[in-house]
Amino acid sequence: MKTRTAQRAFSLVEVVIAVAIFGFALTAMLALLPALTRQAAESAETLAAQRLPDAVRVELRAIAERNGFGALATMLPALSAPLKNGATFAAPREGSWVKRVETSVAIDVVDAYYAIEIWRFAEATAGLESATAPLAAYVRVSWPWRVPGALVDTPLEQRHQFTFIVPIDR
């Protein structure tokens, strides 16, 4: 006489439940993907903005060497509230260069993503001789300034911002 051995297997109900759980999990992960991608892009942009102080310092120092320290000081408007009409510079999304945007001369700022506005502090540094004192500049970096394909600049209220102070030695 032959004995039957019981075979173990999943029932159809168990397979359907497992497929449904997998489907819900996959749908949830795919729903999170755009938000995570956007957050990663914003983090990369913020990191690039935080690397701009060195590039700004180099550009301001080059202007001071080219035109003189006094010309740099007069180019930067005095800091006042509210912050308006700062000396405008631009940088691309990766932050590889910083250029001055002059109102009288149109430069190619197609790749400009960051707007960099700079003001000088109005009062001299206390306790230092004005002839040898460094120039302290207040810098506001905002992005996205010019989005590719957009006809107008992004309003300041809709941009991310990062501020810092840059000292320029004589």
N, C-alpha and C. Protein backbone atom coordinates (compact mmCIF):
# COMPACT_ATOMS: atom_id res chain seq x y z
N MET A 1 0.81 -1.14 0.00
CA MET A 1 0.00 0.00 0.00
C MET A 1 0.88 1.25 0.00
N LYS A 2 0.50 2.18 -0.79
CA LYS A 2 1.26 3.42 -0.89
C LYS A 2 0.72 4.43 0.10
N THR A 3 1.65 5.15 0.74
CA THR A 3 1.22 6.21 1.65
C THR A 3 1.42 7.55 0.94
N ARG A 4 0.46 8.41 1.13
CA ARG A 4 0.56 9.73 0.53
C ARG A 4 1.31 10.67 1.47
N THR A 5 2.26 11.35 0.94
CA THR A 5 2.97 12.36 1.73
C THR A 5 2.31 13.71 1.46
N ALA A 6 2.14 14.45 2.50
CA ALA A 6 1.51 15.76 2.37
C ALA A 6 2.51 16.74 1.76
N GLN A 7 2.08 17.43 0.74
CA GLN A 7 2.93 18.43 0.11
C GLN A 7 2.55 19.81 0.66
N ARG A 8 3.56 20.52 1.03
CA ARG A 8 3.31 21.86 1.55
C ARG A 8 3.44 22.84 0.39
N ALA A 9 2.50 23.79 0.32
CA ALA A 9 2.52 24.82 -0.72
C ALA A 9 1.70 26.00 -0.23
N PHE A 10 1.85 27.12 -0.92
CA PHE A 10 1.05 28.29 -0.59
C PHE A 10 -0.30 28.17 -1.25
N SER A 11 -1.29 28.61 -0.54
CA SER A 11 -2.63 28.61 -1.13
C SER A 11 -2.78 29.84 -2.01
N LEU A 12 -3.77 29.84 -2.84
CA LEU A 12 -4.02 30.96 -3.74
C LEU A 12 -4.30 32.23 -2.94
N VAL A 13 -4.98 32.15 -1.83
CA VAL A 13 -5.29 33.31 -1.00
C VAL A 13 -3.99 33.91 -0.45
N GLU A 14 -3.07 33.09 -0.01
CA GLU A 14 -1.80 33.58 0.53
C GLU A 14 -0.99 34.29 -0.56
N VAL A 15 -0.99 33.75 -1.75
CA VAL A 15 -0.26 34.37 -2.85
C VAL A 15 -0.87 35.72 -3.22
N VAL A 16 -2.20 35.80 -3.26
CA VAL A 16 -2.86 37.07 -3.59
C VAL A 16 -2.57 38.12 -2.52
N ILE A 17 -2.58 37.73 -1.24
CA ILE A 17 -2.28 38.67 -0.16
C ILE A 17 -0.84 39.15 -0.27
N ALA A 18 0.10 38.26 -0.56
CA ALA A 18 1.51 38.64 -0.69
C ALA A 18 1.72 39.60 -1.86
N VAL A 19 1.07 39.34 -3.00
CA VAL A 19 1.18 40.22 -4.17
C VAL A 19 0.57 41.58 -3.86
N ALA A 20 -0.55 41.62 -3.13
CA ALA A 20 -1.18 42.89 -2.78
C ALA A 20 -0.28 43.71 -1.85
N ILE A 21 0.34 43.08 -0.87
CA ILE A 21 1.25 43.78 0.03
C ILE A 21 2.45 44.33 -0.75
N PHE A 22 3.00 43.52 -1.64
CA PHE A 22 4.12 43.97 -2.46
C PHE A 22 3.69 45.15 -3.34
N GLY A 23 2.51 45.09 -3.91
CA GLY A 23 2.00 46.17 -4.76
C GLY A 23 1.82 47.46 -3.99
N PHE A 24 1.27 47.39 -2.78
CA PHE A 24 1.11 48.59 -1.96
C PHE A 24 2.47 49.18 -1.58
N ALA A 25 3.41 48.34 -1.22
CA ALA A 25 4.74 48.81 -0.85
C ALA A 25 5.44 49.47 -2.04
N LEU A 26 5.33 48.87 -3.21
CA LEU A 26 5.95 49.43 -4.40
C LEU A 26 5.29 50.76 -4.77
N THR A 27 3.99 50.84 -4.67
CA THR A 27 3.28 52.10 -4.96
C THR A 27 3.70 53.20 -4.00
N ALA A 28 3.84 52.88 -2.71
CA ALA A 28 4.27 53.87 -1.72
C ALA A 28 5.68 54.37 -2.02
N MET A 29 6.59 53.47 -2.39
CA MET A 29 7.96 53.87 -2.71
C MET A 29 7.99 54.74 -3.96
N LEU A 30 7.22 54.40 -4.98
CA LEU A 30 7.20 55.21 -6.20
C LEU A 30 6.56 56.57 -5.96
N ALA A 31 5.60 56.65 -5.04
CA ALA A 31 4.98 57.94 -4.71
C ALA A 31 5.97 58.86 -3.99
N LEU A 32 6.90 58.30 -3.23
CA LEU A 32 7.89 59.10 -2.52
C LEU A 32 9.06 59.55 -3.40
N LEU A 33 9.24 58.90 -4.52
CA LEU A 33 10.40 59.16 -5.37
C LEU A 33 10.50 60.62 -5.84
N PRO A 34 9.43 61.25 -6.37
CA PRO A 34 9.57 62.65 -6.80
C PRO A 34 9.94 63.60 -5.65
N ALA A 35 9.34 63.40 -4.48
CA ALA A 35 9.65 64.27 -3.34
C ALA A 35 11.10 64.08 -2.91
N LEU A 36 11.58 62.85 -2.89
CA LEU A 36 12.98 62.60 -2.51
C LEU A 36 13.95 63.16 -3.54
N THR A 37 13.59 63.08 -4.82
CA THR A 37 14.44 63.63 -5.87
C THR A 37 14.51 65.15 -5.75
N ARG A 38 13.37 65.79 -5.50
CA ARG A 38 13.33 67.25 -5.33
C ARG A 38 14.16 67.67 -4.11
N GLN A 39 14.03 66.92 -3.02
CA GLN A 39 14.78 67.25 -1.80
C GLN A 39 16.28 67.07 -2.03
N ALA A 40 16.68 66.07 -2.77
CA ALA A 40 18.10 65.87 -3.07
C ALA A 40 18.64 67.01 -3.94
N ALA A 41 17.84 67.48 -4.90
CA ALA A 41 18.26 68.59 -5.75
C ALA A 41 18.40 69.87 -4.92
N GLU A 42 17.45 70.12 -4.02
CA GLU A 42 17.52 71.31 -3.16
C GLU A 42 18.74 71.25 -2.24
N SER A 43 19.06 70.07 -1.75
CA SER A 43 20.25 69.92 -0.90
C SER A 43 21.52 70.20 -1.69
N ALA A 44 21.58 69.73 -2.92
CA ALA A 44 22.76 69.98 -3.76
C ALA A 44 22.90 71.47 -4.07
N GLU A 45 21.78 72.16 -4.32
CA GLU A 45 21.81 73.60 -4.58
C GLU A 45 22.26 74.38 -3.35
N THR A 46 21.77 73.98 -2.19
CA THR A 46 22.17 74.64 -0.93
C THR A 46 23.66 74.43 -0.67
N LEU A 47 24.15 73.24 -0.92
CA LEU A 47 25.57 72.95 -0.74
C LEU A 47 26.43 73.79 -1.69
N ALA A 48 25.98 73.92 -2.95
CA ALA A 48 26.72 74.77 -3.89
C ALA A 48 26.70 76.23 -3.44
N ALA A 49 25.58 76.70 -2.90
CA ALA A 49 25.48 78.08 -2.40
C ALA A 49 26.42 78.29 -1.22
N GLN A 50 26.58 77.28 -0.39
CA GLN A 50 27.46 77.41 0.77
C GLN A 50 28.93 77.36 0.39
N ARG A 51 29.24 76.96 -0.83
CA ARG A 51 30.63 77.00 -1.31
C ARG A 51 30.96 78.32 -2.00
N LEU A 52 29.96 79.18 -2.22
CA LEU A 52 30.17 80.43 -2.94
C LEU A 52 30.99 81.50 -2.19
N PRO A 53 31.04 81.52 -0.85
CA PRO A 53 31.82 82.58 -0.20
C PRO A 53 33.26 82.68 -0.69
N ASP A 54 33.91 81.57 -0.95
CA ASP A 54 35.29 81.63 -1.43
C ASP A 54 35.36 82.24 -2.83
N ALA A 55 34.43 81.86 -3.70
CA ALA A 55 34.41 82.40 -5.06
C ALA A 55 34.09 83.89 -5.04
N VAL A 56 33.20 84.32 -4.16
CA VAL A 56 32.88 85.74 -4.03
C VAL A 56 34.09 86.51 -3.54
N ARG A 57 34.77 85.98 -2.53
CA ARG A 57 35.97 86.63 -1.99
C ARG A 57 37.03 86.77 -3.08
N VAL A 58 37.23 85.74 -3.88
CA VAL A 58 38.23 85.78 -4.95
C VAL A 58 37.85 86.84 -5.99
N GLU A 59 36.57 86.89 -6.37
CA GLU A 59 36.13 87.86 -7.37
C GLU A 59 36.25 89.30 -6.85
N LEU A 60 35.86 89.54 -5.60
CA LEU A 60 35.98 90.88 -5.02
C LEU A 60 37.45 91.29 -4.89
N ARG A 61 38.28 90.34 -4.52
CA ARG A 61 39.72 90.63 -4.41
C ARG A 61 40.29 90.97 -5.79
N ALA A 62 39.86 90.26 -6.82
CA ALA A 62 40.34 90.53 -8.19
C ALA A 62 39.89 91.92 -8.64
N ILE A 63 38.67 92.32 -8.31
CA ILE A 63 38.19 93.66 -8.65
C ILE A 63 39.02 94.71 -7.92
N ALA A 64 39.32 94.46 -6.65
CA ALA A 64 40.13 95.41 -5.87
C ALA A 64 41.54 95.53 -6.44
N GLU A 65 42.12 94.44 -6.89
CA GLU A 65 43.47 94.49 -7.46
C GLU A 65 43.47 95.17 -8.83
N ARG A 66 42.41 94.96 -9.59
CA ARG A 66 42.31 95.52 -10.93
C ARG A 66 42.01 97.02 -10.89
N ASN A 67 41.04 97.42 -10.07
CA ASN A 67 40.55 98.80 -10.09
C ASN A 67 40.94 99.61 -8.86
N GLY A 68 41.49 98.97 -7.87
CA GLY A 68 41.83 99.66 -6.63
C GLY A 68 40.80 99.38 -5.55
N PHE A 69 41.27 99.44 -4.31
CA PHE A 69 40.40 99.12 -3.17
C PHE A 69 39.30 100.15 -3.02
N GLY A 70 39.60 101.42 -3.30
CA GLY A 70 38.60 102.48 -3.21
C GLY A 70 37.48 102.29 -4.21
N ALA A 71 37.83 101.83 -5.41
CA ALA A 71 36.80 101.58 -6.43
C ALA A 71 35.89 100.44 -6.01
N LEU A 72 36.46 99.44 -5.37
CA LEU A 72 35.63 98.34 -4.88
C LEU A 72 34.68 98.84 -3.80
N ALA A 73 35.20 99.66 -2.90
CA ALA A 73 34.37 100.18 -1.82
C ALA A 73 33.24 101.05 -2.35
N THR A 74 33.49 101.83 -3.39
CA THR A 74 32.43 102.68 -3.94
C THR A 74 31.47 101.89 -4.82
N MET A 75 31.93 100.77 -5.37
CA MET A 75 31.05 99.93 -6.19
C MET A 75 29.97 99.27 -5.34
N LEU A 76 30.32 98.94 -4.09
CA LEU A 76 29.36 98.27 -3.21
C LEU A 76 28.55 99.32 -2.46
N PRO A 77 27.22 99.27 -2.58
CA PRO A 77 26.41 100.25 -1.85
C PRO A 77 26.43 99.97 -0.34
N ALA A 78 26.15 101.00 0.43
CA ALA A 78 26.13 100.85 1.89
C ALA A 78 24.93 100.01 2.31
N LEU A 79 25.14 99.20 3.32
CA LEU A 79 24.11 98.31 3.85
C LEU A 79 23.04 99.15 4.54
N SER A 80 21.79 98.91 4.17
CA SER A 80 20.67 99.61 4.81
C SER A 80 19.46 98.68 4.77
N ALA A 81 18.47 99.02 5.56
CA ALA A 81 17.26 98.19 5.60
C ALA A 81 16.16 98.95 4.88
N PRO A 82 15.37 98.30 4.08
CA PRO A 82 15.46 96.92 3.62
C PRO A 82 16.58 96.76 2.59
N LEU A 83 17.03 95.54 2.41
CA LEU A 83 18.12 95.27 1.49
C LEU A 83 17.64 95.43 0.06
N LYS A 84 18.11 96.48 -0.58
CA LYS A 84 17.76 96.71 -1.98
C LYS A 84 18.97 97.23 -2.72
N ASN A 85 18.99 96.98 -4.02
CA ASN A 85 19.98 97.54 -4.94
C ASN A 85 21.42 97.26 -4.55
N GLY A 86 21.71 96.03 -4.18
CA GLY A 86 23.09 95.64 -3.91
C GLY A 86 23.84 95.46 -5.22
N ALA A 87 25.15 95.44 -5.14
CA ALA A 87 25.95 95.13 -6.32
C ALA A 87 25.64 93.68 -6.69
N THR A 88 25.18 93.46 -7.91
CA THR A 88 24.69 92.15 -8.31
C THR A 88 25.76 91.36 -9.05
N PHE A 89 25.93 90.14 -8.60
CA PHE A 89 26.81 89.18 -9.24
C PHE A 89 25.97 87.96 -9.58
N ALA A 90 26.50 87.07 -10.40
CA ALA A 90 25.78 85.86 -10.78
C ALA A 90 26.72 84.68 -10.74
N ALA A 91 26.15 83.50 -10.55
CA ALA A 91 26.91 82.25 -10.55
C ALA A 91 26.04 81.16 -11.15
N PRO A 92 26.66 80.17 -11.81
CA PRO A 92 25.88 79.07 -12.37
C PRO A 92 25.46 78.08 -11.28
N ARG A 93 24.68 77.11 -11.66
CA ARG A 93 24.13 76.14 -10.71
C ARG A 93 25.22 75.38 -9.96
N GLU A 94 26.32 75.07 -10.61
CA GLU A 94 27.39 74.33 -9.93
C GLU A 94 28.33 75.26 -9.16
N GLY A 95 28.19 76.59 -9.32
CA GLY A 95 28.99 77.54 -8.56
C GLY A 95 30.43 77.62 -9.00
N SER A 96 30.72 77.33 -10.26
CA SER A 96 32.10 77.28 -10.72
C SER A 96 32.71 78.65 -10.99
N TRP A 97 31.89 79.67 -11.20
CA TRP A 97 32.39 81.03 -11.42
C TRP A 97 31.42 82.04 -10.83
N VAL A 98 31.93 83.23 -10.61
CA VAL A 98 31.13 84.36 -10.13
C VAL A 98 31.46 85.54 -11.03
N LYS A 99 30.43 86.18 -11.63
CA LYS A 99 30.62 87.34 -12.50
C LYS A 99 29.77 88.49 -12.00
N ARG A 100 30.25 89.68 -12.21
CA ARG A 100 29.47 90.87 -11.88
C ARG A 100 28.47 91.13 -12.99
N VAL A 101 27.26 91.44 -12.61
CA VAL A 101 26.22 91.79 -13.57
C VAL A 101 26.09 93.30 -13.53
N GLU A 102 26.55 93.96 -14.56
CA GLU A 102 26.49 95.41 -14.61
C GLU A 102 25.24 95.83 -15.35
N THR A 103 24.58 96.84 -14.83
CA THR A 103 23.34 97.29 -15.45
C THR A 103 23.58 97.94 -16.81
N SER A 104 24.73 98.56 -16.98
CA SER A 104 24.99 99.24 -18.25
C SER A 104 25.50 98.30 -19.33
N VAL A 105 26.05 97.18 -18.95
CA VAL A 105 26.61 96.24 -19.91
C VAL A 105 25.90 94.90 -19.75
N ALA A 106 25.31 94.44 -20.82
CA ALA A 106 24.63 93.14 -20.77
C ALA A 106 25.67 92.04 -20.94
N ILE A 107 25.82 91.21 -19.94
CA ILE A 107 26.73 90.07 -20.05
C ILE A 107 25.90 88.81 -20.23
N ASP A 108 26.53 87.78 -20.68
CA ASP A 108 25.83 86.52 -20.89
C ASP A 108 25.62 85.84 -19.55
N VAL A 109 24.42 85.91 -19.05
CA VAL A 109 24.09 85.25 -17.78
C VAL A 109 23.04 84.18 -18.01
N VAL A 110 23.12 83.53 -19.17
CA VAL A 110 22.18 82.47 -19.49
C VAL A 110 22.28 81.36 -18.46
N ASP A 111 23.50 81.05 -18.04
CA ASP A 111 23.71 79.97 -17.08
C ASP A 111 23.56 80.42 -15.63
N ALA A 112 23.22 81.69 -15.41
CA ALA A 112 23.13 82.21 -14.05
C ALA A 112 21.97 81.57 -13.31
N TYR A 113 22.27 80.98 -12.18
CA TYR A 113 21.24 80.33 -11.36
C TYR A 113 21.17 81.01 -10.00
N TYR A 114 22.32 81.44 -9.50
CA TYR A 114 22.39 82.12 -8.22
C TYR A 114 22.52 83.62 -8.45
N ALA A 115 21.72 84.40 -7.74
CA ALA A 115 21.89 85.85 -7.71
C ALA A 115 22.67 86.17 -6.44
N ILE A 116 23.74 86.92 -6.57
CA ILE A 116 24.59 87.26 -5.44
C ILE A 116 24.56 88.78 -5.32
N GLU A 117 24.01 89.26 -4.22
CA GLU A 117 23.91 90.69 -3.99
C GLU A 117 24.84 91.05 -2.83
N ILE A 118 25.60 92.14 -3.01
CA ILE A 118 26.63 92.48 -2.03
C ILE A 118 26.49 93.95 -1.61
N TRP A 119 26.59 94.17 -0.31
CA TRP A 119 26.60 95.50 0.28
C TRP A 119 27.81 95.62 1.19
N ARG A 120 28.32 96.83 1.38
CA ARG A 120 29.39 97.05 2.35
C ARG A 120 28.76 97.61 3.62
N PHE A 121 29.40 97.35 4.74
CA PHE A 121 28.94 97.92 5.99
C PHE A 121 29.26 99.42 5.97
N ALA A 122 28.32 100.24 6.40
CA ALA A 122 28.46 101.69 6.30
C ALA A 122 29.52 102.24 7.24
N GLU A 123 29.57 101.74 8.46
CA GLU A 123 30.52 102.28 9.43
C GLU A 123 31.84 101.54 9.35
N ALA A 124 32.89 102.27 9.68
CA ALA A 124 34.23 101.66 9.68
C ALA A 124 34.35 100.70 10.85
N THR A 125 35.25 99.76 10.72
CA THR A 125 35.47 98.80 11.78
C THR A 125 36.07 99.51 12.99
N ALA A 126 35.47 99.32 14.15
CA ALA A 126 35.90 100.01 15.36
C ALA A 126 37.30 99.56 15.77
N GLY A 127 38.12 100.51 16.13
CA GLY A 127 39.44 100.20 16.65
C GLY A 127 40.50 99.94 15.59
N LEU A 128 40.15 100.02 14.34
CA LEU A 128 41.13 99.79 13.27
C LEU A 128 41.29 101.06 12.45
N GLU A 129 42.47 101.28 11.96
CA GLU A 129 42.69 102.42 11.10
C GLU A 129 41.98 102.20 9.78
N SER A 130 41.30 103.22 9.31
CA SER A 130 40.51 103.05 8.09
C SER A 130 41.38 102.80 6.86
N ALA A 131 42.63 103.25 6.89
CA ALA A 131 43.52 103.04 5.74
C ALA A 131 43.96 101.60 5.62
N THR A 132 43.97 100.86 6.70
CA THR A 132 44.42 99.47 6.65
C THR A 132 43.33 98.48 6.99
N ALA A 133 42.15 98.95 7.37
CA ALA A 133 41.06 98.07 7.80
C ALA A 133 40.52 97.30 6.59
N PRO A 134 40.15 96.05 6.80
CA PRO A 134 39.54 95.30 5.70
C PRO A 134 38.14 95.83 5.43
N LEU A 135 37.68 95.59 4.24
CA LEU A 135 36.32 95.96 3.86
C LEU A 135 35.42 94.77 4.16
N ALA A 136 34.43 94.98 5.00
CA ALA A 136 33.50 93.90 5.33
C ALA A 136 32.27 94.04 4.45
N ALA A 137 31.91 92.97 3.77
CA ALA A 137 30.78 92.99 2.86
C ALA A 137 29.73 91.98 3.31
N TYR A 138 28.48 92.39 3.22
CA TYR A 138 27.35 91.52 3.54
C TYR A 138 26.85 90.96 2.21
N VAL A 139 26.73 89.64 2.13
CA VAL A 139 26.40 88.97 0.88
C VAL A 139 25.12 88.15 1.05
N ARG A 140 24.21 88.32 0.09
CA ARG A 140 23.00 87.49 0.06
C ARG A 140 23.01 86.70 -1.25
N VAL A 141 22.96 85.38 -1.11
CA VAL A 141 22.86 84.50 -2.27
C VAL A 141 21.43 83.98 -2.31
N SER A 142 20.79 84.10 -3.46
CA SER A 142 19.42 83.59 -3.59
C SER A 142 19.32 82.78 -4.88
N TRP A 143 18.46 81.78 -4.85
CA TRP A 143 18.27 80.88 -5.99
C TRP A 143 16.90 80.26 -5.95
N PRO A 144 16.34 79.85 -7.04
CA PRO A 144 16.80 80.02 -8.43
C PRO A 144 16.52 81.44 -8.91
N TRP A 145 17.52 82.06 -9.51
CA TRP A 145 17.38 83.42 -10.00
C TRP A 145 16.83 83.41 -11.42
N ARG A 146 17.53 82.74 -12.29
CA ARG A 146 17.08 82.61 -13.68
C ARG A 146 16.96 81.14 -14.01
N VAL A 147 15.75 80.70 -14.23
CA VAL A 147 15.48 79.31 -14.56
C VAL A 147 15.50 79.19 -16.08
N PRO A 148 16.21 78.18 -16.63
CA PRO A 148 16.26 78.04 -18.09
C PRO A 148 14.85 77.96 -18.67
N GLY A 149 14.62 78.74 -19.71
CA GLY A 149 13.32 78.75 -20.38
C GLY A 149 12.34 79.76 -19.81
N ALA A 150 12.62 80.33 -18.65
CA ALA A 150 11.72 81.32 -18.05
C ALA A 150 11.97 82.68 -18.69
N LEU A 151 10.92 83.46 -18.87
CA LEU A 151 11.04 84.77 -19.48
C LEU A 151 11.41 85.86 -18.48
N VAL A 152 11.11 85.63 -17.21
CA VAL A 152 11.41 86.62 -16.17
C VAL A 152 12.17 85.96 -15.04
N ASP A 153 12.84 86.79 -14.24
CA ASP A 153 13.56 86.28 -13.07
C ASP A 153 12.56 85.82 -12.02
N THR A 154 12.96 84.86 -11.22
CA THR A 154 12.13 84.40 -10.11
C THR A 154 12.05 85.51 -9.07
N PRO A 155 10.85 85.85 -8.59
CA PRO A 155 10.75 86.88 -7.55
C PRO A 155 11.53 86.47 -6.30
N LEU A 156 12.11 87.45 -5.62
CA LEU A 156 12.94 87.20 -4.44
C LEU A 156 12.19 86.43 -3.37
N GLU A 157 10.90 86.69 -3.22
CA GLU A 157 10.10 86.02 -2.19
C GLU A 157 9.99 84.51 -2.43
N GLN A 158 10.19 84.07 -3.66
CA GLN A 158 10.05 82.66 -4.00
C GLN A 158 11.40 81.94 -4.08
N ARG A 159 12.47 82.63 -3.77
CA ARG A 159 13.80 82.03 -3.84
C ARG A 159 14.26 81.56 -2.46
N HIS A 160 15.17 80.60 -2.46
CA HIS A 160 15.88 80.21 -1.25
C HIS A 160 16.98 81.25 -1.04
N GLN A 161 17.39 81.47 0.21
CA GLN A 161 18.41 82.48 0.48
C GLN A 161 19.45 81.96 1.47
N PHE A 162 20.64 82.49 1.33
CA PHE A 162 21.76 82.18 2.21
C PHE A 162 22.57 83.47 2.33
N THR A 163 22.90 83.89 3.54
CA THR A 163 23.67 85.12 3.72
C THR A 163 24.96 84.83 4.48
N PHE A 164 25.96 85.67 4.23
CA PHE A 164 27.24 85.54 4.92
C PHE A 164 27.99 86.86 4.83
N ILE A 165 29.05 86.99 5.58
CA ILE A 165 29.89 88.19 5.58
C ILE A 165 31.27 87.82 5.03
N VAL A 166 31.77 88.66 4.15
CA VAL A 166 33.09 88.42 3.54
C VAL A 166 33.99 89.59 3.86
N PRO A 167 35.14 89.35 4.50
CA PRO A 167 36.12 90.42 4.69
C PRO A 167 37.11 90.44 3.52
N ILE A 168 37.37 91.65 3.01
CA ILE A 168 38.34 91.80 1.92
C ILE A 168 39.51 92.61 2.46
N ASP A 169 40.67 92.00 2.52
CA ASP A 169 41.87 92.68 3.02
C ASP A 169 42.42 93.62 1.95
N ARG A 170 43.05 94.67 2.44
CA ARG A 170 43.68 95.63 1.52
C ARG A 170 44.98 95.08 0.99
